[in-house]
Amino acid sequence: MGKINGLTVVACKFHSNHLFVVKFHPTEEAKKFQRYLDKLAIIDTNLIKKLLNRFVSITNEQFDSCITEIHDLLSSSQYNRIHNVLYRQRNITRNYTKPLEIFKNLIYFY
């Protein structure tokens, strides 16, 4: 199974149409994201806050539970890559929305 197919399987599991693995420059991207949010209507910003709040509240056990269900469909390297990317993306979201105060009213569940 190719990398794209493995990512598609995970995206389906998380009820998302798209899931990508990309390079991320945290400070630069957080500033771009803040500028983007500033241009949005309040209702859209609130929806994004809810989405990111749910994402950062996902526990390691929940990730493991979801990914374990598709383990047989992936090679061990694909499984490890997806596992690491999900953890890393969640941690990036936690680490860079809070210090840069992208969401001042966002509640974090650690």
PDB file of N, CA and C in Angstrom:
ATOM      1  N   MET A   1       0.852  -1.168   0.000  1.00  0.00           N
ATOM      2  CA  MET A   1       0.000   0.000   0.000  1.00  0.00           C
ATOM      3  C   MET A   1       0.901   1.235   0.000  1.00  0.00           C
ATOM      4  N   GLY A   2       0.620   2.193  -0.860  1.00  0.00           N
ATOM      5  CA  GLY A   2       1.418   3.410  -0.946  1.00  0.00           C
ATOM      6  C   GLY A   2       1.127   4.369   0.191  1.00  0.00           C
ATOM      7  N   LYS A   3       1.969   5.386   0.293  1.00  0.00           N
ATOM      8  CA  LYS A   3       1.821   6.365   1.378  1.00  0.00           C
ATOM      9  C   LYS A   3       0.465   7.063   1.298  1.00  0.00           C
ATOM     10  N   ILE A   4       0.043   7.436   0.101  1.00  0.00           N
ATOM     11  CA  ILE A   4      -1.227   8.146  -0.048  1.00  0.00           C
ATOM     12  C   ILE A   4      -2.386   7.260   0.388  1.00  0.00           C
ATOM     13  N   ASN A   5      -2.374   5.996   0.011  1.00  0.00           N
ATOM     14  CA  ASN A   5      -3.455   5.098   0.410  1.00  0.00           C
ATOM     15  C   ASN A   5      -3.511   4.934   1.918  1.00  0.00           C
ATOM     16  N   GLY A   6      -2.353   4.823   2.563  1.00  0.00           N
ATOM     17  CA  GLY A   6      -2.315   4.710   4.024  1.00  0.00           C
ATOM     18  C   GLY A   6      -2.877   5.946   4.688  1.00  0.00           C
ATOM     19  N   LEU A   7      -2.527   7.117   4.165  1.00  0.00           N
ATOM     20  CA  LEU A   7      -3.059   8.365   4.715  1.00  0.00           C
ATOM     21  C   LEU A   7      -4.553   8.477   4.480  1.00  0.00           C
ATOM     22  N   THR A   8      -5.023   8.006   3.331  1.00  0.00           N
ATOM     23  CA  THR A   8      -6.453   8.041   3.041  1.00  0.00           C
ATOM     24  C   THR A   8      -7.221   7.179   4.028  1.00  0.00           C
ATOM     25  N   VAL A   9      -6.675   6.019   4.367  1.00  0.00           N
ATOM     26  CA  VAL A   9      -7.319   5.140   5.343  1.00  0.00           C
ATOM     27  C   VAL A   9      -7.444   5.848   6.685  1.00  0.00           C
ATOM     28  N   VAL A  10      -6.378   6.514   7.116  1.00  0.00           N
ATOM     29  CA  VAL A  10      -6.417   7.237   8.386  1.00  0.00           C
ATOM     30  C   VAL A  10      -7.384   8.407   8.300  1.00  0.00           C
ATOM     31  N   ALA A  11      -7.382   9.125   7.187  1.00  0.00           N
ATOM     32  CA  ALA A  11      -8.296  10.257   7.015  1.00  0.00           C
ATOM     33  C   ALA A  11      -9.743   9.790   7.113  1.00  0.00           C
ATOM     34  N   CYS A  12     -10.050   8.653   6.529  1.00  0.00           N
ATOM     35  CA  CYS A  12     -11.413   8.108   6.616  1.00  0.00           C
ATOM     36  C   CYS A  12     -11.759   7.760   8.055  1.00  0.00           C
ATOM     37  N   LYS A  13     -10.803   7.221   8.775  1.00  0.00           N
ATOM     38  CA  LYS A  13     -11.034   6.852  10.163  1.00  0.00           C
ATOM     39  C   LYS A  13     -11.372   8.074  11.005  1.00  0.00           C
ATOM     40  N   PHE A  14     -10.731   9.210  10.700  1.00  0.00           N
ATOM     41  CA  PHE A  14     -10.985  10.436  11.444  1.00  0.00           C
ATOM     42  C   PHE A  14     -12.068  11.293  10.790  1.00  0.00           C
ATOM     43  N   HIS A  15     -12.807  10.713   9.838  1.00  0.00           N
ATOM     44  CA  HIS A  15     -13.922  11.386   9.162  1.00  0.00           C
ATOM     45  C   HIS A  15     -13.484  12.704   8.528  1.00  0.00           C
ATOM     46  N   SER A  16     -12.363  12.664   7.854  1.00  0.00           N
ATOM     47  CA  SER A  16     -11.826  13.845   7.186  1.00  0.00           C
ATOM     48  C   SER A  16     -11.624  13.506   5.716  1.00  0.00           C
ATOM     49  N   ASN A  17     -11.870  14.478   4.851  1.00  0.00           N
ATOM     50  CA  ASN A  17     -11.665  14.244   3.425  1.00  0.00           C
ATOM     51  C   ASN A  17     -10.198  14.298   3.036  1.00  0.00           C
ATOM     52  N   HIS A  18      -9.398  15.015   3.813  1.00  0.00           N
ATOM     53  CA  HIS A  18      -8.001  15.215   3.455  1.00  0.00           C
ATOM     54  C   HIS A  18      -7.115  15.064   4.685  1.00  0.00           C
ATOM     55  N   LEU A  19      -5.972  14.448   4.479  1.00  0.00           N
ATOM     56  CA  LEU A  19      -4.956  14.345   5.522  1.00  0.00           C
ATOM     57  C   LEU A  19      -3.616  14.369   4.810  1.00  0.00           C
ATOM     58  N   PHE A  20      -2.760  15.304   5.163  1.00  0.00           N
ATOM     59  CA  PHE A  20      -1.493  15.463   4.475  1.00  0.00           C
ATOM     60  C   PHE A  20      -0.343  15.476   5.472  1.00  0.00           C
ATOM     61  N   VAL A  21       0.809  15.041   5.007  1.00  0.00           N
ATOM     62  CA  VAL A  21       2.042  15.156   5.770  1.00  0.00           C
ATOM     63  C   VAL A  21       2.849  16.257   5.091  1.00  0.00           C
ATOM     64  N   VAL A  22       3.106  17.346   5.814  1.00  0.00           N
ATOM     65  CA  VAL A  22       3.801  18.489   5.228  1.00  0.00           C
ATOM     66  C   VAL A  22       4.878  18.992   6.185  1.00  0.00           C
ATOM     67  N   LYS A  23       5.831  19.746   5.635  1.00  0.00           N
ATOM     68  CA  LYS A  23       6.823  20.407   6.483  1.00  0.00           C
ATOM     69  C   LYS A  23       6.141  21.576   7.167  1.00  0.00           C
ATOM     70  N   PHE A  24       6.580  21.862   8.373  1.00  0.00           N
ATOM     71  CA  PHE A  24       5.923  22.900   9.161  1.00  0.00           C
ATOM     72  C   PHE A  24       6.962  23.765   9.847  1.00  0.00           C
ATOM     73  N   HIS A  25       6.884  25.070   9.628  1.00  0.00           N
ATOM     74  CA  HIS A  25       7.736  26.042  10.310  1.00  0.00           C
ATOM     75  C   HIS A  25       6.844  26.746  11.320  1.00  0.00           C
ATOM     76  N   PRO A  26       6.885  26.327  12.583  1.00  0.00           N
ATOM     77  CA  PRO A  26       5.888  26.722  13.578  1.00  0.00           C
ATOM     78  C   PRO A  26       5.658  28.216  13.741  1.00  0.00           C
ATOM     79  N   THR A  27       6.695  28.983  13.954  1.00  0.00           N
ATOM     80  CA  THR A  27       6.495  30.407  14.235  1.00  0.00           C
ATOM     81  C   THR A  27       5.929  31.125  13.023  1.00  0.00           C
ATOM     82  N   GLU A  28       6.508  30.866  11.872  1.00  0.00           N
ATOM     83  CA  GLU A  28       6.047  31.507  10.641  1.00  0.00           C
ATOM     84  C   GLU A  28       4.607  31.113  10.323  1.00  0.00           C
ATOM     85  N   GLU A  29       4.315  29.827  10.431  1.00  0.00           N
ATOM     86  CA  GLU A  29       2.971  29.353  10.116  1.00  0.00           C
ATOM     87  C   GLU A  29       1.947  29.849  11.127  1.00  0.00           C
ATOM     88  N   ALA A  30       2.325  29.945  12.386  1.00  0.00           N
ATOM     89  CA  ALA A  30       1.401  30.450  13.402  1.00  0.00           C
ATOM     90  C   ALA A  30       1.038  31.902  13.123  1.00  0.00           C
ATOM     91  N   LYS A  31       2.018  32.692  12.686  1.00  0.00           N
ATOM     92  CA  LYS A  31       1.737  34.090  12.346  1.00  0.00           C
ATOM     93  C   LYS A  31       0.824  34.188  11.128  1.00  0.00           C
ATOM     94  N   LYS A  32       1.071  33.348  10.118  1.00  0.00           N
ATOM     95  CA  LYS A  32       0.200  33.324   8.935  1.00  0.00           C
ATOM     96  C   LYS A  32      -1.214  32.919   9.333  1.00  0.00           C
ATOM     97  N   PHE A  33      -1.296  31.927  10.205  1.00  0.00           N
ATOM     98  CA  PHE A  33      -2.599  31.443  10.653  1.00  0.00           C
ATOM     99  C   PHE A  33      -3.333  32.536  11.417  1.00  0.00           C
ATOM    100  N   GLN A  34      -2.628  33.295  12.235  1.00  0.00           N
ATOM    101  CA  GLN A  34      -3.242  34.398  12.974  1.00  0.00           C
ATOM    102  C   GLN A  34      -3.782  35.451  12.010  1.00  0.00           C
ATOM    103  N   ARG A  35      -3.012  35.786  10.973  1.00  0.00           N
ATOM    104  CA  ARG A  35      -3.485  36.760   9.975  1.00  0.00           C
ATOM    105  C   ARG A  35      -4.730  36.238   9.264  1.00  0.00           C
ATOM    106  N   TYR A  36      -4.726  34.946   8.952  1.00  0.00           N
ATOM    107  CA  TYR A  36      -5.886  34.328   8.312  1.00  0.00           C
ATOM    108  C   TYR A  36      -7.112  34.410   9.222  1.00  0.00           C
ATOM    109  N   LEU A  37      -6.930  34.091  10.500  1.00  0.00           N
ATOM    110  CA  LEU A  37      -8.045  34.136  11.447  1.00  0.00           C
ATOM    111  C   LEU A  37      -8.596  35.547  11.615  1.00  0.00           C
ATOM    112  N   ASP A  38      -7.711  36.531  11.579  1.00  0.00           N
ATOM    113  CA  ASP A  38      -8.146  37.918  11.737  1.00  0.00           C
ATOM    114  C   ASP A  38      -9.081  38.358  10.613  1.00  0.00           C
ATOM    115  N   LYS A  39      -8.962  37.736   9.453  1.00  0.00           N
ATOM    116  CA  LYS A  39      -9.796  38.097   8.301  1.00  0.00           C
ATOM    117  C   LYS A  39     -11.146  37.379   8.305  1.00  0.00           C
ATOM    118  N   LEU A  40     -11.281  36.350   9.112  1.00  0.00           N
ATOM    119  CA  LEU A  40     -12.501  35.542   9.117  1.00  0.00           C
ATOM    120  C   LEU A  40     -13.606  36.182   9.942  1.00  0.00           C
ATOM    121  N   ALA A  41     -14.833  35.767   9.626  1.00  0.00           N
ATOM    122  CA  ALA A  41     -15.977  36.163  10.450  1.00  0.00           C
ATOM    123  C   ALA A  41     -15.859  35.474  11.807  1.00  0.00           C
ATOM    124  N   ILE A  42     -16.465  36.061  12.815  1.00  0.00           N
ATOM    125  CA  ILE A  42     -16.385  35.517  14.178  1.00  0.00           C
ATOM    126  C   ILE A  42     -16.912  34.091  14.231  1.00  0.00           C
ATOM    127  N   ILE A  43     -17.987  33.802  13.516  1.00  0.00           N
ATOM    128  CA  ILE A  43     -18.560  32.448  13.559  1.00  0.00           C
ATOM    129  C   ILE A  43     -17.570  31.421  13.013  1.00  0.00           C
ATOM    130  N   ASP A  44     -16.840  31.780  11.952  1.00  0.00           N
ATOM    131  CA  ASP A  44     -15.850  30.860  11.392  1.00  0.00           C
ATOM    132  C   ASP A  44     -14.686  30.651  12.355  1.00  0.00           C
ATOM    133  N   THR A  45     -14.251  31.723  12.987  1.00  0.00           N
ATOM    134  CA  THR A  45     -13.165  31.616  13.962  1.00  0.00           C
ATOM    135  C   THR A  45     -13.568  30.705  15.110  1.00  0.00           C
ATOM    136  N   ASN A  46     -14.808  30.822  15.562  1.00  0.00           N
ATOM    137  CA  ASN A  46     -15.284  29.967  16.652  1.00  0.00           C
ATOM    138  C   ASN A  46     -15.320  28.504  16.240  1.00  0.00           C
ATOM    139  N   LEU A  47     -15.697  28.224  14.993  1.00  0.00           N
ATOM    140  CA  LEU A  47     -15.697  26.840  14.515  1.00  0.00           C
ATOM    141  C   LEU A  47     -14.279  26.271  14.478  1.00  0.00           C
ATOM    142  N   ILE A  48     -13.330  27.082  14.042  1.00  0.00           N
ATOM    143  CA  ILE A  48     -11.936  26.633  14.020  1.00  0.00           C
ATOM    144  C   ILE A  48     -11.433  26.402  15.441  1.00  0.00           C
ATOM    145  N   LYS A  49     -11.811  27.266  16.363  1.00  0.00           N
ATOM    146  CA  LYS A  49     -11.425  27.085  17.769  1.00  0.00           C
ATOM    147  C   LYS A  49     -11.933  25.748  18.295  1.00  0.00           C
ATOM    148  N   LYS A  50     -13.198  25.443  17.999  1.00  0.00           N
ATOM    149  CA  LYS A  50     -13.774  24.172  18.467  1.00  0.00           C
ATOM    150  C   LYS A  50     -13.027  22.986  17.871  1.00  0.00           C
ATOM    151  N   LEU A  51     -12.751  23.059  16.571  1.00  0.00           N
ATOM    152  CA  LEU A  51     -12.061  21.968  15.898  1.00  0.00           C
ATOM    153  C   LEU A  51     -10.676  21.735  16.499  1.00  0.00           C
ATOM    154  N   LEU A  52      -9.907  22.809  16.664  1.00  0.00           N
ATOM    155  CA  LEU A  52      -8.569  22.661  17.230  1.00  0.00           C
ATOM    156  C   LEU A  52      -8.616  22.246  18.692  1.00  0.00           C
ATOM    157  N   ASN A  53      -9.620  22.720  19.415  1.00  0.00           N
ATOM    158  CA  ASN A  53      -9.774  22.324  20.813  1.00  0.00           C
ATOM    159  C   ASN A  53     -10.023  20.819  20.911  1.00  0.00           C
ATOM    160  N   ARG A  54     -10.850  20.305  20.020  1.00  0.00           N
ATOM    161  CA  ARG A  54     -11.101  18.855  20.007  1.00  0.00           C
ATOM    162  C   ARG A  54      -9.835  18.087  19.639  1.00  0.00           C
ATOM    163  N   PHE A  55      -9.093  18.616  18.669  1.00  0.00           N
ATOM    164  CA  PHE A  55      -7.873  17.940  18.233  1.00  0.00           C
ATOM    165  C   PHE A  55      -6.835  17.879  19.346  1.00  0.00           C
ATOM    166  N   VAL A  56      -6.617  18.993  20.049  1.00  0.00           N
ATOM    167  CA  VAL A  56      -5.605  18.985  21.112  1.00  0.00           C
ATOM    168  C   VAL A  56      -6.051  18.178  22.321  1.00  0.00           C
ATOM    169  N   SER A  57      -7.345  17.909  22.436  1.00  0.00           N
ATOM    170  CA  SER A  57      -7.825  17.134  23.580  1.00  0.00           C
ATOM    171  C   SER A  57      -7.773  15.626  23.341  1.00  0.00           C
ATOM    172  N   ILE A  58      -7.412  15.199  22.129  1.00  0.00           N
ATOM    173  CA  ILE A  58      -7.289  13.765  21.851  1.00  0.00           C
ATOM    174  C   ILE A  58      -6.104  13.223  22.639  1.00  0.00           C
ATOM    175  N   THR A  59      -6.352  12.178  23.386  1.00  0.00           N
ATOM    176  CA  THR A  59      -5.299  11.580  24.213  1.00  0.00           C
ATOM    177  C   THR A  59      -4.474  10.587  23.397  1.00  0.00           C
ATOM    178  N   ASN A  60      -3.320  10.238  23.915  1.00  0.00           N
ATOM    179  CA  ASN A  60      -2.481   9.232  23.263  1.00  0.00           C
ATOM    180  C   ASN A  60      -3.227   7.909  23.122  1.00  0.00           C
ATOM    181  N   GLU A  61      -3.991   7.555  24.133  1.00  0.00           N
ATOM    182  CA  GLU A  61      -4.746   6.302  24.103  1.00  0.00           C
ATOM    183  C   GLU A  61      -5.788   6.314  22.986  1.00  0.00           C
ATOM    184  N   GLN A  62      -6.430   7.452  22.764  1.00  0.00           N
ATOM    185  CA  GLN A  62      -7.420   7.551  21.689  1.00  0.00           C
ATOM    186  C   GLN A  62      -6.754   7.419  20.322  1.00  0.00           C
ATOM    187  N   PHE A  63      -5.605   8.072  20.140  1.00  0.00           N
ATOM    188  CA  PHE A  63      -4.861   7.908  18.888  1.00  0.00           C
ATOM    189  C   PHE A  63      -4.498   6.446  18.684  1.00  0.00           C
ATOM    190  N   ASP A  64      -3.937   5.831  19.726  1.00  0.00           N
ATOM    191  CA  ASP A  64      -3.517   4.436  19.627  1.00  0.00           C
ATOM    192  C   ASP A  64      -4.683   3.524  19.289  1.00  0.00           C
ATOM    193  N   SER A  65      -5.823   3.761  19.905  1.00  0.00           N
ATOM    194  CA  SER A  65      -7.005   2.945  19.660  1.00  0.00           C
ATOM    195  C   SER A  65      -7.456   3.040  18.202  1.00  0.00           C
ATOM    196  N   CYS A  66      -7.493   4.241  17.680  1.00  0.00           N
ATOM    197  CA  CYS A  66      -7.928   4.441  16.291  1.00  0.00           C
ATOM    198  C   CYS A  66      -6.936   3.857  15.300  1.00  0.00           C
ATOM    199  N   ILE A  67      -5.660   4.085  15.540  1.00  0.00           N
ATOM    200  CA  ILE A  67      -4.648   3.628  14.594  1.00  0.00           C
ATOM    201  C   ILE A  67      -4.488   2.117  14.649  1.00  0.00           C
ATOM    202  N   THR A  68      -4.667   1.526  15.814  1.00  0.00           N
ATOM    203  CA  THR A  68      -4.533   0.077  15.956  1.00  0.00           C
ATOM    204  C   THR A  68      -5.538  -0.655  15.070  1.00  0.00           C
ATOM    205  N   GLU A  69      -6.707  -0.064  14.884  1.00  0.00           N
ATOM    206  CA  GLU A  69      -7.740  -0.695  14.061  1.00  0.00           C
ATOM    207  C   GLU A  69      -7.318  -0.848  12.606  1.00  0.00           C
ATOM    208  N   ILE A  70      -6.421   0.008  12.122  1.00  0.00           N
ATOM    209  CA  ILE A  70      -5.992  -0.086  10.728  1.00  0.00           C
ATOM    210  C   ILE A  70      -4.570  -0.627  10.597  1.00  0.00           C
ATOM    211  N   HIS A  71      -3.995  -1.075  11.696  1.00  0.00           N
ATOM    212  CA  HIS A  71      -2.602  -1.540  11.700  1.00  0.00           C
ATOM    213  C   HIS A  71      -2.363  -2.631  10.669  1.00  0.00           C
ATOM    214  N   ASP A  72      -3.298  -3.546  10.504  1.00  0.00           N
ATOM    215  CA  ASP A  72      -3.125  -4.660   9.571  1.00  0.00           C
ATOM    216  C   ASP A  72      -3.098  -4.210   8.113  1.00  0.00           C
ATOM    217  N   LEU A  73      -3.630  -3.039   7.825  1.00  0.00           N
ATOM    218  CA  LEU A  73      -3.669  -2.536   6.454  1.00  0.00           C
ATOM    219  C   LEU A  73      -2.386  -1.808   6.052  1.00  0.00           C
ATOM    220  N   LEU A  74      -1.503  -1.567   7.014  1.00  0.00           N
ATOM    221  CA  LEU A  74      -0.309  -0.763   6.767  1.00  0.00           C
ATOM    222  C   LEU A  74       0.961  -1.550   7.036  1.00  0.00           C
ATOM    223  N   SER A  75       2.036  -1.148   6.376  1.00  0.00           N
ATOM    224  CA  SER A  75       3.338  -1.711   6.734  1.00  0.00           C
ATOM    225  C   SER A  75       3.751  -1.085   8.063  1.00  0.00           C
ATOM    226  N   SER A  76       4.742  -1.673   8.707  1.00  0.00           N
ATOM    227  CA  SER A  76       5.153  -1.132  10.005  1.00  0.00           C
ATOM    228  C   SER A  76       5.706   0.286   9.864  1.00  0.00           C
ATOM    229  N   SER A  77       6.401   0.566   8.767  1.00  0.00           N
ATOM    230  CA  SER A  77       6.936   1.922   8.585  1.00  0.00           C
ATOM    231  C   SER A  77       5.807   2.929   8.342  1.00  0.00           C
ATOM    232  N   GLN A  78       4.779   2.531   7.588  1.00  0.00           N
ATOM    233  CA  GLN A  78       3.632   3.422   7.377  1.00  0.00           C
ATOM    234  C   GLN A  78       2.909   3.683   8.694  1.00  0.00           C
ATOM    235  N   TYR A  79       2.713   2.616   9.443  1.00  0.00           N
ATOM    236  CA  TYR A  79       2.038   2.741  10.732  1.00  0.00           C
ATOM    237  C   TYR A  79       2.805   3.692  11.648  1.00  0.00           C
ATOM    238  N   ASN A  80       4.117   3.487  11.755  1.00  0.00           N
ATOM    239  CA  ASN A  80       4.936   4.334  12.626  1.00  0.00           C
ATOM    240  C   ASN A  80       4.936   5.782  12.160  1.00  0.00           C
ATOM    241  N   ARG A  81       4.991   5.984  10.856  1.00  0.00           N
ATOM    242  CA  ARG A  81       4.995   7.347  10.305  1.00  0.00           C
ATOM    243  C   ARG A  81       3.685   8.062  10.627  1.00  0.00           C
ATOM    244  N   ILE A  82       2.562   7.404  10.380  1.00  0.00           N
ATOM    245  CA  ILE A  82       1.256   8.012  10.654  1.00  0.00           C
ATOM    246  C   ILE A  82       1.106   8.279  12.145  1.00  0.00           C
ATOM    247  N   HIS A  83       1.500   7.316  12.944  1.00  0.00           N
ATOM    248  CA  HIS A  83       1.440   7.449  14.401  1.00  0.00           C
ATOM    249  C   HIS A  83       2.235   8.672  14.854  1.00  0.00           C
ATOM    250  N   ASN A  84       3.470   8.783  14.384  1.00  0.00           N
ATOM    251  CA  ASN A  84       4.330   9.904  14.775  1.00  0.00           C
ATOM    252  C   ASN A  84       3.799  11.241  14.276  1.00  0.00           C
ATOM    253  N   VAL A  85       3.287  11.266  13.060  1.00  0.00           N
ATOM    254  CA  VAL A  85       2.764  12.516  12.498  1.00  0.00           C
ATOM    255  C   VAL A  85       1.555  12.998  13.288  1.00  0.00           C
ATOM    256  N   LEU A  86       0.646  12.096  13.630  1.00  0.00           N
ATOM    257  CA  LEU A  86      -0.538  12.501  14.396  1.00  0.00           C
ATOM    258  C   LEU A  86      -0.151  13.069  15.755  1.00  0.00           C
ATOM    259  N   TYR A  87       0.757  12.403  16.439  1.00  0.00           N
ATOM    260  CA  TYR A  87       1.221  12.901  17.745  1.00  0.00           C
ATOM    261  C   TYR A  87       1.887  14.268  17.587  1.00  0.00           C
ATOM    262  N   ARG A  88       2.767  14.363  16.586  1.00  0.00           N
ATOM    263  CA  ARG A  88       3.512  15.598  16.386  1.00  0.00           C
ATOM    264  C   ARG A  88       2.583  16.757  16.022  1.00  0.00           C
ATOM    265  N   GLN A  89       1.616  16.518  15.139  1.00  0.00           N
ATOM    266  CA  GLN A  89       0.694  17.581  14.739  1.00  0.00           C
ATOM    267  C   GLN A  89      -0.152  18.048  15.919  1.00  0.00           C
ATOM    268  N   ARG A  90      -0.580  17.107  16.744  1.00  0.00           N
ATOM    269  CA  ARG A  90      -1.350  17.497  17.923  1.00  0.00           C
ATOM    270  C   ARG A  90      -0.497  18.335  18.873  1.00  0.00           C
ATOM    271  N   ASN A  91       0.743  17.908  19.079  1.00  0.00           N
ATOM    272  CA  ASN A  91       1.634  18.644  19.977  1.00  0.00           C
ATOM    273  C   ASN A  91       1.997  20.017  19.423  1.00  0.00           C
ATOM    274  N   ILE A  92       2.186  20.109  18.115  1.00  0.00           N
ATOM    275  CA  ILE A  92       2.441  21.411  17.493  1.00  0.00           C
ATOM    276  C   ILE A  92       1.247  22.325  17.704  1.00  0.00           C
ATOM    277  N   THR A  93       0.063  21.791  17.516  1.00  0.00           N
ATOM    278  CA  THR A  93      -1.146  22.592  17.714  1.00  0.00           C
ATOM    279  C   THR A  93      -1.211  23.095  19.145  1.00  0.00           C
ATOM    280  N   ARG A  94      -0.923  22.231  20.102  1.00  0.00           N
ATOM    281  CA  ARG A  94      -0.917  22.637  21.515  1.00  0.00           C
ATOM    282  C   ARG A  94       0.136  23.704  21.786  1.00  0.00           C
ATOM    283  N   ASN A  95       1.338  23.445  21.315  1.00  0.00           N
ATOM    284  CA  ASN A  95       2.470  24.303  21.658  1.00  0.00           C
ATOM    285  C   ASN A  95       2.437  25.671  21.003  1.00  0.00           C
ATOM    286  N   TYR A  96       1.899  25.768  19.810  1.00  0.00           N
ATOM    287  CA  TYR A  96       2.013  27.025  19.081  1.00  0.00           C
ATOM    288  C   TYR A  96       0.733  27.838  19.027  1.00  0.00           C
ATOM    289  N   THR A  97      -0.376  27.302  19.449  1.00  0.00           N
ATOM    290  CA  THR A  97      -1.558  28.151  19.571  1.00  0.00           C
ATOM    291  C   THR A  97      -1.561  28.831  20.929  1.00  0.00           C
ATOM    292  N   LYS A  98      -1.062  28.151  21.938  1.00  0.00           N
ATOM    293  CA  LYS A  98      -1.081  28.715  23.292  1.00  0.00           C
ATOM    294  C   LYS A  98      -0.082  29.863  23.490  1.00  0.00           C
ATOM    295  N   PRO A  99       1.224  29.678  23.236  1.00  0.00           N
ATOM    296  CA  PRO A  99       2.159  30.771  23.496  1.00  0.00           C
ATOM    297  C   PRO A  99       1.928  31.993  22.609  1.00  0.00           C
ATOM    298  N   LEU A 100       1.496  31.782  21.388  1.00  0.00           N
ATOM    299  CA  LEU A 100       1.281  32.908  20.487  1.00  0.00           C
ATOM    300  C   LEU A 100      -0.105  33.509  20.660  1.00  0.00           C
ATOM    301  N   GLU A 101      -0.861  32.965  21.601  1.00  0.00           N
ATOM    302  CA  GLU A 101      -2.200  33.445  21.940  1.00  0.00           C
ATOM    303  C   GLU A 101      -3.109  33.535  20.723  1.00  0.00           C
ATOM    304  N   ILE A 102      -3.008  32.525  19.860  1.00  0.00           N
ATOM    305  CA  ILE A 102      -3.895  32.506  18.706  1.00  0.00           C
ATOM    306  C   ILE A 102      -5.332  32.395  19.179  1.00  0.00           C
ATOM    307  N   PHE A 103      -5.549  31.580  20.195  1.00  0.00           N
ATOM    308  CA  PHE A 103      -6.890  31.453  20.754  1.00  0.00           C
ATOM    309  C   PHE A 103      -6.813  31.780  22.232  1.00  0.00           C
ATOM    310  N   LYS A 104      -7.131  32.983  22.583  1.00  0.00           N
ATOM    311  CA  LYS A 104      -7.014  33.408  23.978  1.00  0.00           C
ATOM    312  C   LYS A 104      -8.039  32.726  24.871  1.00  0.00           C
ATOM    313  N   ASN A 105      -9.186  32.363  24.321  1.00  0.00           N
ATOM    314  CA  ASN A 105     -10.247  31.755  25.124  1.00  0.00           C
ATOM    315  C   ASN A 105     -10.319  30.246  24.944  1.00  0.00           C
ATOM    316  N   LEU A 106      -9.316  29.669  24.311  1.00  0.00           N
ATOM    317  CA  LEU A 106      -9.325  28.244  24.040  1.00  0.00           C
ATOM    318  C   LEU A 106      -9.017  27.467  25.313  1.00  0.00           C
ATOM    319  N   ILE A 107      -9.795  26.452  25.594  1.00  0.00           N
ATOM    320  CA  ILE A 107      -9.590  25.620  26.780  1.00  0.00           C
ATOM    321  C   ILE A 107      -8.795  24.395  26.362  1.00  0.00           C
ATOM    322  N   TYR A 108      -7.714  24.124  27.067  1.00  0.00           N
ATOM    323  CA  TYR A 108      -6.873  22.973  26.760  1.00  0.00           C
ATOM    324  C   TYR A 108      -7.147  21.854  27.750  1.00  0.00           C
ATOM    325  N   PHE A 109      -7.262  20.652  27.236  1.00  0.00           N
ATOM    326  CA  PHE A 109      -7.445  19.469  28.064  1.00  0.00           C
ATOM    327  C   PHE A 109      -6.197  18.625  27.935  1.00  0.00           C
ATOM    328  N   TYR A 110      -5.363  18.623  28.963  1.00  0.00           N
ATOM    329  CA  TYR A 110      -4.136  17.828  28.915  1.00  0.00           C
ATOM    330  C   TYR A 110      -4.316  16.578  29.708  1.00  0.00           C
TER     331      TYR A 110
END
